[in-house]
C-alpha atoms as a PDB file:
ATOM      1  CA  MET A   1     103.750 111.040 107.620  1.00  0.00           C
ATOM      2  CA  LYS A   2     104.834 107.400 107.188  1.00  0.00           C
ATOM      3  CA  ILE A   3     103.221 104.853 109.486  1.00  0.00           C
ATOM      4  CA  ILE A   4     103.189 101.090 109.850  1.00  0.00           C
ATOM      5  CA  LEU A   5     100.243  99.500 111.748  1.00  0.00           C
ATOM      6  CA  LEU A   6     101.208  96.113 113.355  1.00  0.00           C
ATOM      7  CA  GLY A   7      98.965  93.769 115.307  1.00  0.00           C
ATOM      8  CA  PRO A   8      97.594  90.229 115.230  1.00  0.00           C
ATOM      9  CA  PRO A   9      94.283  89.147 113.189  1.00  0.00           C
ATOM     10  CA  GLY A  10      91.345  90.760 114.719  1.00  0.00           C
ATOM     11  CA  SER A  11      93.187  93.503 116.418  1.00  0.00           C
ATOM     12  CA  GLY A  12      91.340  96.219 114.394  1.00  0.00           C
ATOM     13  CA  LYS A  13      94.293  97.312 112.015  1.00  0.00           C
ATOM     14  CA  GLY A  14      92.149  97.669 108.873  1.00  0.00           C
ATOM     15  CA  THR A  15      89.425  99.739 110.973  1.00  0.00           C
ATOM     16  CA  GLN A  16      92.254 102.181 112.318  1.00  0.00           C
ATOM     17  CA  ALA A  17      93.795 102.347 108.933  1.00  0.00           C
ATOM     18  CA  ARG A  18      90.668 103.737 107.364  1.00  0.00           C
ATOM     19  CA  PHE A  19      90.526 106.080 110.444  1.00  0.00           C
ATOM     20  CA  ILE A  20      94.039 107.656 109.706  1.00  0.00           C
ATOM     21  CA  ILE A  21      93.519 107.852 105.817  1.00  0.00           C
ATOM     22  CA  GLU A  22      90.604 109.735 106.214  1.00  0.00           C
ATOM     23  CA  LYS A  23      91.512 112.202 108.817  1.00  0.00           C
ATOM     24  CA  TYR A  24      95.100 112.817 107.439  1.00  0.00           C
ATOM     25  CA  GLY A  25      94.195 112.490 103.524  1.00  0.00           C
ATOM     26  CA  ILE A  26      97.197 109.996 103.020  1.00  0.00           C
ATOM     27  CA  SER A  27      97.414 106.943 100.894  1.00  0.00           C
ATOM     28  CA  GLY A  28      96.712 103.407 102.366  1.00  0.00           C
ATOM     29  CA  ILE A  29      98.747 100.403 101.640  1.00  0.00           C
ATOM     30  CA  SER A  30      97.432  96.842 101.980  1.00  0.00           C
ATOM     31  CA  THR A  31      99.064  94.136 100.597  1.00  0.00           C
ATOM     32  CA  GLY A  32      95.773  92.473 100.206  1.00  0.00           C
ATOM     33  CA  ASP A  33      94.278  95.617  98.350  1.00  0.00           C
ATOM     34  CA  ILE A  34      97.660  95.582  96.075  1.00  0.00           C
ATOM     35  CA  LEU A  35      97.100  91.852  95.232  1.00  0.00           C
ATOM     36  CA  ARG A  36      93.557  92.256  94.289  1.00  0.00           C
ATOM     37  CA  ASP A  37      94.273  95.429  92.111  1.00  0.00           C
ATOM     38  CA  GLU A  38      97.276  94.020  90.466  1.00  0.00           C
ATOM     39  CA  VAL A  39      95.525  90.748  89.600  1.00  0.00           C
ATOM     40  CA  LYS A  40      92.496  92.567  88.619  1.00  0.00           C
ATOM     41  CA  ASN A  41      94.299  94.839  86.459  1.00  0.00           C
ATOM     42  CA  LYS A  42      96.310  91.837  84.822  1.00  0.00           C
ATOM     43  CA  THR A  43      99.457  93.582  85.476  1.00  0.00           C
ATOM     44  CA  GLU A  44     102.798  91.794  85.151  1.00  0.00           C
ATOM     45  CA  LEU A  45     103.607  91.428  88.799  1.00  0.00           C
ATOM     46  CA  GLY A  46      99.696  90.574  89.218  1.00  0.00           C
ATOM     47  CA  LEU A  47      99.830  87.779  86.398  1.00  0.00           C
ATOM     48  CA  LYS A  48     102.725  86.220  88.495  1.00  0.00           C
ATOM     49  CA  ALA A  49     101.180  86.728  91.821  1.00  0.00           C
ATOM     50  CA  LYS A  50      97.982  85.071  90.554  1.00  0.00           C
ATOM     51  CA  GLU A  51      99.870  81.785  89.378  1.00  0.00           C
ATOM     52  CA  TYR A  52     100.817  81.224  93.243  1.00  0.00           C
ATOM     53  CA  MET A  53      97.643  82.654  94.740  1.00  0.00           C
ATOM     54  CA  ASP A  54      95.544  79.611  92.294  1.00  0.00           C
ATOM     55  CA  ALA A  55      97.803  77.210  93.276  1.00  0.00           C
ATOM     56  CA  GLY A  56      97.256  78.049  97.064  1.00  0.00           C
ATOM     57  CA  LYS A  57     100.830  79.175  97.666  1.00  0.00           C
ATOM     58  CA  LEU A  58     101.862  82.258  99.530  1.00  0.00           C
ATOM     59  CA  VAL A  59     103.018  85.178  97.274  1.00  0.00           C
ATOM     60  CA  PRO A  60     106.676  85.369  97.617  1.00  0.00           C
ATOM     61  CA  ASP A  61     108.292  88.395  99.372  1.00  0.00           C
ATOM     62  CA  ASP A  62     110.145  89.874  96.381  1.00  0.00           C
ATOM     63  CA  LEU A  63     106.649  90.084  94.271  1.00  0.00           C
ATOM     64  CA  VAL A  64     104.926  91.354  97.083  1.00  0.00           C
ATOM     65  CA  ILE A  65     108.099  94.174  98.045  1.00  0.00           C
ATOM     66  CA  LYS A  66     107.821  95.166  94.381  1.00  0.00           C
ATOM     67  CA  MET A  67     104.245  95.932  94.674  1.00  0.00           C
ATOM     68  CA  VAL A  68     104.828  97.973  97.678  1.00  0.00           C
ATOM     69  CA  GLU A  69     107.738  99.864  96.263  1.00  0.00           C
ATOM     70  CA  GLU A  70     105.466 101.155  93.408  1.00  0.00           C
ATOM     71  CA  ARG A  71     102.784 102.234  95.965  1.00  0.00           C
ATOM     72  CA  LEU A  72     105.249 104.076  98.464  1.00  0.00           C
ATOM     73  CA  ASN A  73     105.266 107.997  98.214  1.00  0.00           C
ATOM     74  CA  LYS A  74     106.858 111.151  99.622  1.00  0.00           C
ATOM     75  CA  GLU A  75     103.258 112.609 100.679  1.00  0.00           C
ATOM     76  CA  GLY A  76     102.598 109.811 103.202  1.00  0.00           C
ATOM     77  CA  TYR A  77     101.026 106.696 103.776  1.00  0.00           C
ATOM     78  CA  VAL A  78      99.877 103.957 106.313  1.00  0.00           C
ATOM     79  CA  LEU A  79     101.155 100.300 105.880  1.00  0.00           C
ATOM     80  CA  ASP A  80      98.391  97.871 106.726  1.00  0.00           C
ATOM     81  CA  GLY A  81      99.519  93.969 106.606  1.00  0.00           C
ATOM     82  CA  PHE A  82     103.447  94.909 105.324  1.00  0.00           C
ATOM     83  CA  PRO A  83     105.639  94.064 106.548  1.00  0.00           C
ATOM     84  CA  ARG A  84     104.741  90.579 107.791  1.00  0.00           C
ATOM     85  CA  THR A  85     108.299  89.267 108.466  1.00  0.00           C
ATOM     86  CA  LEU A  86     111.668  90.104 109.602  1.00  0.00           C
ATOM     87  CA  SER A  87     112.997  89.886 105.881  1.00  0.00           C
ATOM     88  CA  GLN A  88     110.117  91.998 104.535  1.00  0.00           C
ATOM     89  CA  ALA A  89     111.130  94.631 107.347  1.00  0.00           C
ATOM     90  CA  LYS A  90     114.551  94.841 106.231  1.00  0.00           C
ATOM     91  CA  SER A  91     113.689  94.777 102.614  1.00  0.00           C
ATOM     92  CA  LEU A  92     111.588  97.955 103.254  1.00  0.00           C
ATOM     93  CA  ASP A  93     114.629  99.491 105.132  1.00  0.00           C
ATOM     94  CA  LYS A  94     116.672  99.033 102.091  1.00  0.00           C
ATOM     95  CA  ILE A  95     114.155 100.546  99.775  1.00  0.00           C
ATOM     96  CA  LEU A  96     113.552 103.682 102.375  1.00  0.00           C
ATOM     97  CA  ASP A  97     117.525 104.320 102.217  1.00  0.00           C
ATOM     98  CA  ARG A  98     117.643 104.243  98.335  1.00  0.00           C
ATOM     99  CA  ILE A  99     115.133 106.893  98.237  1.00  0.00           C
ATOM    100  CA  ASN A 100     116.289 108.469 101.298  1.00  0.00           C
ATOM    101  CA  ASP A 101     113.089 108.296 103.306  1.00  0.00           C
ATOM    102  CA  ARG A 102     112.088 106.806 106.825  1.00  0.00           C
ATOM    103  CA  ILE A 103     109.212 105.202 108.930  1.00  0.00           C
ATOM    104  CA  ASP A 104     107.986 107.965 111.681  1.00  0.00           C
ATOM    105  CA  TYR A 105     106.279 105.337 113.700  1.00  0.00           C
ATOM    106  CA  VAL A 106     105.157 101.713 113.957  1.00  0.00           C
ATOM    107  CA  ILE A 107     102.026 101.402 115.971  1.00  0.00           C
ATOM    108  CA  TYR A 108     101.488  98.260 117.473  1.00  0.00           C
ATOM    109  CA  ILE A 109      97.816  97.459 118.443  1.00  0.00           C
ATOM    110  CA  ASP A 110      98.537  95.127 121.198  1.00  0.00           C
ATOM    111  CA  ILE A 111      95.763  92.769 122.178  1.00  0.00           C
ATOM    112  CA  SER A 112      95.673  89.364 124.043  1.00  0.00           C
ATOM    113  CA  GLU A 113      94.741  85.936 122.112  1.00  0.00           C
ATOM    114  CA  GLU A 114      91.709  85.313 124.090  1.00  0.00           C
ATOM    115  CA  GLU A 115      89.873  88.564 123.279  1.00  0.00           C
ATOM    116  CA  ILE A 116      90.612  88.436 119.623  1.00  0.00           C
ATOM    117  CA  ILE A 117      88.843  84.706 119.712  1.00  0.00           C
ATOM    118  CA  LYS A 118      86.195  86.283 121.697  1.00  0.00           C
ATOM    119  CA  ARG A 119      85.804  89.182 119.147  1.00  0.00           C
ATOM    120  CA  MET A 120      86.062  86.778 115.979  1.00  0.00           C
ATOM    121  CA  SER A 121      84.471  83.818 116.673  1.00  0.00           C
ATOM    122  CA  GLY A 122      81.059  85.635 117.931  1.00  0.00           C
ATOM    123  CA  ARG A 123      80.682  87.058 114.427  1.00  0.00           C
ATOM    124  CA  ARG A 124      77.709  85.620 112.448  1.00  0.00           C
ATOM    125  CA  ILE A 125      76.703  86.527 108.899  1.00  0.00           C
ATOM    126  CA  CYS A 126      73.176  86.419 107.289  1.00  0.00           C
ATOM    127  CA  LYS A 127      73.309  84.158 104.365  1.00  0.00           C
ATOM    128  CA  ASP A 128      70.793  86.134 102.305  1.00  0.00           C
ATOM    129  CA  CYS A 129      71.439  89.804 102.880  1.00  0.00           C
ATOM    130  CA  GLY A 130      75.171  89.476 104.107  1.00  0.00           C
ATOM    131  CA  SER A 131      74.306  91.795 107.359  1.00  0.00           C
ATOM    132  CA  VAL A 132      76.991  91.067 109.951  1.00  0.00           C
ATOM    133  CA  TYR A 133      76.240  90.375 113.778  1.00  0.00           C
ATOM    134  CA  HIS A 134      77.877  89.443 117.052  1.00  0.00           C
ATOM    135  CA  LEU A 135      76.927  87.212 119.798  1.00  0.00           C
ATOM    136  CA  LEU A 136      78.133  89.421 122.385  1.00  0.00           C
ATOM    137  CA  PHE A 137      78.256  92.970 120.929  1.00  0.00           C
ATOM    138  CA  ASN A 138      75.651  93.011 118.414  1.00  0.00           C
ATOM    139  CA  PRO A 139      73.420  89.968 118.872  1.00  0.00           C
ATOM    140  CA  PRO A 140      70.324  89.268 116.633  1.00  0.00           C
ATOM    141  CA  LYS A 141      67.016  89.727 118.126  1.00  0.00           C
ATOM    142  CA  VAL A 142      66.004  86.260 117.589  1.00  0.00           C
ATOM    143  CA  ASP A 143      68.873  83.673 118.075  1.00  0.00           C
ATOM    144  CA  GLY A 144      70.081  82.401 114.526  1.00  0.00           C
ATOM    145  CA  LYS A 145      68.139  84.747 112.470  1.00  0.00           C
ATOM    146  CA  CYS A 146      68.615  88.046 110.681  1.00  0.00           C
ATOM    147  CA  ASP A 147      66.839  91.095 112.014  1.00  0.00           C
ATOM    148  CA  LEU A 148      66.268  92.623 108.435  1.00  0.00           C
ATOM    149  CA  CYS A 149      65.202  89.428 106.451  1.00  0.00           C
ATOM    150  CA  GLU A 150      65.241  86.735 108.896  1.00  0.00           C
ATOM    151  CA  GLY A 151      67.922  84.860 106.536  1.00  0.00           C
ATOM    152  CA  GLU A 152      69.951  82.127 108.450  1.00  0.00           C
ATOM    153  CA  LEU A 153      73.125  83.226 110.347  1.00  0.00           C
ATOM    154  CA  TYR A 154      76.135  81.483 109.836  1.00  0.00           C
ATOM    155  CA  GLN A 155      79.841  81.407 111.129  1.00  0.00           C
ATOM    156  CA  ARG A 156      82.625  81.871 108.256  1.00  0.00           C
ATOM    157  CA  ASP A 157      85.572  79.140 108.421  1.00  0.00           C
ATOM    158  CA  ASP A 158      87.656  81.955 109.070  1.00  0.00           C
ATOM    159  CA  ASP A 159      86.016  82.811 112.232  1.00  0.00           C
ATOM    160  CA  LYS A 160      85.998  79.488 114.038  1.00  0.00           C
ATOM    161  CA  GLU A 161      87.922  79.027 117.072  1.00  0.00           C
ATOM    162  CA  GLU A 162      90.381  76.203 115.714  1.00  0.00           C
ATOM    163  CA  THR A 163      91.236  78.422 112.453  1.00  0.00           C
ATOM    164  CA  ILE A 164      91.650  81.780 114.552  1.00  0.00           C
ATOM    165  CA  ARG A 165      94.435  79.888 116.815  1.00  0.00           C
ATOM    166  CA  LYS A 166      96.128  78.869 113.844  1.00  0.00           C
ATOM    167  CA  ARG A 167      96.296  82.286 112.182  1.00  0.00           C
ATOM    168  CA  LEU A 168      97.464  83.687 115.585  1.00  0.00           C
ATOM    169  CA  LYS A 169     100.223  80.805 115.626  1.00  0.00           C
ATOM    170  CA  VAL A 170     101.253  82.085 112.276  1.00  0.00           C
ATOM    171  CA  TYR A 171     101.399  85.635 113.371  1.00  0.00           C
ATOM    172  CA  GLU A 172     103.548  84.840 116.720  1.00  0.00           C
ATOM    173  CA  GLU A 173     105.915  82.921 114.516  1.00  0.00           C
ATOM    174  CA  ASP A 174     106.190  85.271 111.730  1.00  0.00           C
ATOM    175  CA  THR A 175     105.272  89.047 112.596  1.00  0.00           C
ATOM    176  CA  LYS A 176     105.906  89.142 116.456  1.00  0.00           C
ATOM    177  CA  PRO A 177     109.739  89.377 115.743  1.00  0.00           C
ATOM    178  CA  LEU A 178     108.996  92.930 114.066  1.00  0.00           C
ATOM    179  CA  ILE A 179     108.080  94.414 117.282  1.00  0.00           C
ATOM    180  CA  LYS A 180     111.485  93.853 118.924  1.00  0.00           C
ATOM    181  CA  TYR A 181     112.957  94.975 115.659  1.00  0.00           C
ATOM    182  CA  TYR A 182     110.945  98.163 115.733  1.00  0.00           C
ATOM    183  CA  LYS A 183     111.388  98.596 119.551  1.00  0.00           C
ATOM    184  CA  ASP A 184     115.115  98.413 118.918  1.00  0.00           C
ATOM    185  CA  LYS A 185     115.110 101.075 116.398  1.00  0.00           C
ATOM    186  CA  GLY A 186     113.100 103.564 118.847  1.00  0.00           C
ATOM    187  CA  ILE A 187     110.027 103.915 116.656  1.00  0.00           C
ATOM    188  CA  LEU A 188     107.443 101.371 117.943  1.00  0.00           C
ATOM    189  CA  ARG A 189     104.533 102.876 119.685  1.00  0.00           C
ATOM    190  CA  ARG A 190     102.216 100.456 121.778  1.00  0.00           C
ATOM    191  CA  VAL A 191      98.271 100.828 121.914  1.00  0.00           C
ATOM    192  CA  ASP A 192      96.061  98.886 124.078  1.00  0.00           C
ATOM    193  CA  GLY A 193      93.694  97.213 121.317  1.00  0.00           C
ATOM    194  CA  SER A 194      91.421  95.757 123.897  1.00  0.00           C
ATOM    195  CA  LYS A 195      90.128  99.339 124.572  1.00  0.00           C
ATOM    196  CA  ASP A 196      86.845 100.269 122.518  1.00  0.00           C
ATOM    197  CA  ILE A 197      87.247 101.435 118.826  1.00  0.00           C
ATOM    198  CA  GLU A 198      87.049 105.189 119.712  1.00  0.00           C
ATOM    199  CA  GLU A 199      89.740 104.976 122.508  1.00  0.00           C
ATOM    200  CA  VAL A 200      92.241 103.227 120.263  1.00  0.00           C
ATOM    201  CA  LYS A 201      91.522 105.868 117.595  1.00  0.00           C
ATOM    202  CA  ASN A 202      92.131 108.586 120.136  1.00  0.00           C
ATOM    203  CA  THR A 203      95.497 107.074 121.162  1.00  0.00           C
ATOM    204  CA  ILE A 204      96.830 106.625 118.012  1.00  0.00           C
ATOM    205  CA  GLU A 205      95.735 110.347 117.458  1.00  0.00           C
ATOM    206  CA  ASP A 206      97.836 111.448 120.239  1.00  0.00           C
ATOM    207  CA  ILE A 207     100.873 109.457 118.699  1.00  0.00           C
ATOM    208  CA  ILE A 208     100.544 110.846 114.994  1.00  0.00           C
ATOM    209  CA  SER A 209     100.356 114.495 116.671  1.00  0.00           C
ATOM    210  CA  ASN A 210     104.043 113.972 117.858  1.00  0.00           C
ATOM    211  CA  ILE A 211     105.478 113.695 114.070  1.00  0.00           C
END
């Protein structure tokens, strides 16, 4: 099976990708992980990507696409974080046509902006031991203190509402057009991301059972 997971930041794509990988024994292809691996291993592509990353620039599409292409296989995979743009989606189609392959389903985890902000902005992390809390779903026993080591809890810059809204704006502009693109191809399947993790997981498994 070949699956693409789509959804905004904070929709739970990474969590669901891990469930799929473990249950079905297929490869997980995450552009973030690939970039880190290529840079760590000092591959030719990794060294080129590092130049852009060190300069605070986005890694160009052609480099990302080459890295992804090397990971595609006939046995099956789940793509998480790629494609991010319409041009990347069209490049992926060209690769798949060339190797006579296709994507089975694009699973779109749909969740409102306000729900994402509620989920992400409530996250707090212990400065000392790294334990993660959530002000609504998993609050500490004492406000601002870690249950395990009494370390101070803080909010990452990435989890601040202003930052989240900026990331969602980028998603809206760059990634949301992919929903129509794959819907027109007849392979888009929508999942309600506002449900709890187990319900989302079960819905995705129902979709996969039809492959």
